[in-house]
Amino acid sequence: MSIVRKLLLILAACTVPVFFFLQVLTSYQYQMLQREVSALESEQKDWFERNKKIIAGISVLRSPERIEKIARDELGLQKIDFSRVKRLVIE
């Protein structure tokens, strides 16, 4: 066998383990990224649920019935008859 042929065989024999290592490394990186994506999707779902609860809470707090009850019961305010309201127009 010639020296060139021996060197090519040695080079080929050395590249196979390198390719296996690169394949394992790529697979490991893929799994790590997949876990990170899953964790971020879970966190996104949690934030979405929190936002839904906050929006529902805002809706409850902004309801006219609730505001009227607080005005009447806690602040002692009363609705006025609109016939008693005077409008001033300034030109």
C-alpha atoms as a PDB file:
ATOM      1  CA  MET A   1       0.000   0.000   0.000  1.00  0.00           C
ATOM      2  CA  SER A   2       1.161   3.429  -0.748  1.00  0.00           C
ATOM      3  CA  ILE A   3       1.696   6.039   1.922  1.00  0.00           C
ATOM      4  CA  VAL A   4      -1.055   8.263   0.492  1.00  0.00           C
ATOM      5  CA  ARG A   5      -3.553   5.431   0.657  1.00  0.00           C
ATOM      6  CA  LYS A   6      -2.576   4.647   4.270  1.00  0.00           C
ATOM      7  CA  LEU A   7      -2.962   8.301   5.219  1.00  0.00           C
ATOM      8  CA  LEU A   8      -6.401   8.434   3.602  1.00  0.00           C
ATOM      9  CA  LEU A   9      -7.482   5.326   5.509  1.00  0.00           C
ATOM     10  CA  ILE A  10      -6.212   6.785   8.785  1.00  0.00           C
ATOM     11  CA  LEU A  11      -7.944  10.078   8.038  1.00  0.00           C
ATOM     12  CA  ALA A  12     -11.203   8.272   7.234  1.00  0.00           C
ATOM     13  CA  ALA A  13     -10.898   6.211  10.431  1.00  0.00           C
ATOM     14  CA  CYS A  14     -10.422   9.409  12.463  1.00  0.00           C
ATOM     15  CA  THR A  15     -13.340  11.280  10.904  1.00  0.00           C
ATOM     16  CA  VAL A  16     -15.916   8.623  11.786  1.00  0.00           C
ATOM     17  CA  PRO A  17     -15.614   9.209  15.577  1.00  0.00           C
ATOM     18  CA  VAL A  18     -15.637  12.962  14.964  1.00  0.00           C
ATOM     19  CA  PHE A  19     -18.910  12.665  13.020  1.00  0.00           C
ATOM     20  CA  PHE A  20     -20.407  10.496  15.775  1.00  0.00           C
ATOM     21  CA  PHE A  21     -19.371  13.061  18.377  1.00  0.00           C
ATOM     22  CA  LEU A  22     -20.869  15.905  16.333  1.00  0.00           C
ATOM     23  CA  GLN A  23     -24.099  13.930  15.943  1.00  0.00           C
ATOM     24  CA  VAL A  24     -24.332  13.359  19.702  1.00  0.00           C
ATOM     25  CA  LEU A  25     -23.522  17.013  20.405  1.00  0.00           C
ATOM     26  CA  THR A  26     -26.182  18.206  17.969  1.00  0.00           C
ATOM     27  CA  SER A  27     -28.738  15.846  19.476  1.00  0.00           C
ATOM     28  CA  TYR A  28     -27.921  17.078  22.982  1.00  0.00           C
ATOM     29  CA  GLN A  29     -28.235  20.729  21.917  1.00  0.00           C
ATOM     30  CA  TYR A  30     -31.577  19.975  20.246  1.00  0.00           C
ATOM     31  CA  GLN A  31     -32.915  18.352  23.406  1.00  0.00           C
ATOM     32  CA  MET A  32     -31.776  21.294  25.543  1.00  0.00           C
ATOM     33  CA  LEU A  33     -33.464  23.766  23.195  1.00  0.00           C
ATOM     34  CA  GLN A  34     -36.608  21.644  23.142  1.00  0.00           C
ATOM     35  CA  ARG A  35     -36.748  21.695  26.961  1.00  0.00           C
ATOM     36  CA  GLU A  36     -36.221  25.450  26.978  1.00  0.00           C
ATOM     37  CA  VAL A  37     -39.021  25.945  24.446  1.00  0.00           C
ATOM     38  CA  SER A  38     -41.341  23.767  26.536  1.00  0.00           C
ATOM     39  CA  ALA A  39     -40.516  25.764  29.664  1.00  0.00           C
ATOM     40  CA  LEU A  40     -41.128  29.058  27.855  1.00  0.00           C
ATOM     41  CA  GLU A  41     -44.435  27.794  26.434  1.00  0.00           C
ATOM     42  CA  SER A  42     -45.511  26.792  29.933  1.00  0.00           C
ATOM     43  CA  GLU A  43     -44.523  30.207  31.285  1.00  0.00           C
ATOM     44  CA  GLN A  44     -46.395  31.895  28.445  1.00  0.00           C
ATOM     45  CA  LYS A  45     -49.504  29.861  29.288  1.00  0.00           C
ATOM     46  CA  ASP A  46     -49.225  30.887  32.952  1.00  0.00           C
ATOM     47  CA  TRP A  47     -48.917  34.574  32.016  1.00  0.00           C
ATOM     48  CA  PHE A  48     -51.893  34.255  29.671  1.00  0.00           C
ATOM     49  CA  GLU A  49     -54.011  32.765  32.472  1.00  0.00           C
ATOM     50  CA  ARG A  50     -52.902  35.510  34.878  1.00  0.00           C
ATOM     51  CA  ASN A  51     -53.817  38.162  32.328  1.00  0.00           C
ATOM     52  CA  LYS A  52     -57.270  36.619  31.861  1.00  0.00           C
ATOM     53  CA  LYS A  53     -57.840  36.738  35.627  1.00  0.00           C
ATOM     54  CA  ILE A  54     -56.657  40.344  35.835  1.00  0.00           C
ATOM     55  CA  ILE A  55     -58.919  41.393  32.962  1.00  0.00           C
ATOM     56  CA  ALA A  56     -61.856  39.644  34.621  1.00  0.00           C
ATOM     57  CA  GLY A  57     -61.027  41.436  37.877  1.00  0.00           C
ATOM     58  CA  ILE A  58     -60.916  44.786  36.107  1.00  0.00           C
ATOM     59  CA  SER A  59     -64.310  44.090  34.575  1.00  0.00           C
ATOM     60  CA  VAL A  60     -65.769  43.396  37.993  1.00  0.00           C
ATOM     61  CA  LEU A  61     -64.202  46.496  39.520  1.00  0.00           C
ATOM     62  CA  ARG A  62     -65.400  48.740  36.678  1.00  0.00           C
ATOM     63  CA  SER A  63     -69.017  47.593  36.764  1.00  0.00           C
ATOM     64  CA  PRO A  64     -71.445  50.510  37.128  1.00  0.00           C
ATOM     65  CA  GLU A  65     -73.472  48.620  39.752  1.00  0.00           C
ATOM     66  CA  ARG A  66     -70.432  48.233  41.996  1.00  0.00           C
ATOM     67  CA  ILE A  67     -69.426  51.880  41.595  1.00  0.00           C
ATOM     68  CA  GLU A  68     -72.975  53.033  42.348  1.00  0.00           C
ATOM     69  CA  LYS A  69     -73.128  50.839  45.466  1.00  0.00           C
ATOM     70  CA  ILE A  70     -69.838  52.258  46.783  1.00  0.00           C
ATOM     71  CA  ALA A  71     -70.982  55.814  46.056  1.00  0.00           C
ATOM     72  CA  ARG A  72     -74.285  55.247  47.832  1.00  0.00           C
ATOM     73  CA  ASP A  73     -73.244  53.043  50.777  1.00  0.00           C
ATOM     74  CA  GLU A  74     -69.686  54.144  51.558  1.00  0.00           C
ATOM     75  CA  LEU A  75     -69.631  57.744  50.362  1.00  0.00           C
ATOM     76  CA  GLY A  76     -73.242  58.692  51.072  1.00  0.00           C
ATOM     77  CA  LEU A  77     -73.796  60.018  47.554  1.00  0.00           C
ATOM     78  CA  GLN A  78     -77.161  59.981  45.819  1.00  0.00           C
ATOM     79  CA  LYS A  79     -78.238  60.121  42.224  1.00  0.00           C
ATOM     80  CA  ILE A  80     -79.722  63.441  41.333  1.00  0.00           C
ATOM     81  CA  ASP A  81     -82.743  64.104  39.232  1.00  0.00           C
ATOM     82  CA  PHE A  82     -81.533  65.336  35.859  1.00  0.00           C
ATOM     83  CA  SER A  83     -84.345  67.903  35.773  1.00  0.00           C
ATOM     84  CA  ARG A  84     -82.432  69.707  38.522  1.00  0.00           C
ATOM     85  CA  VAL A  85     -79.263  69.969  36.439  1.00  0.00           C
ATOM     86  CA  LYS A  86     -78.588  73.354  34.852  1.00  0.00           C
ATOM     87  CA  ARG A  87     -76.310  73.681  31.866  1.00  0.00           C
ATOM     88  CA  LEU A  88     -74.316  76.799  31.280  1.00  0.00           C
ATOM     89  CA  VAL A  89     -73.275  77.560  27.750  1.00  0.00           C
ATOM     90  CA  ILE A  90     -70.480  80.095  27.453  1.00  0.00           C
ATOM     91  CA  GLU A  91     -69.875  81.623  24.095  1.00  0.00           C
END
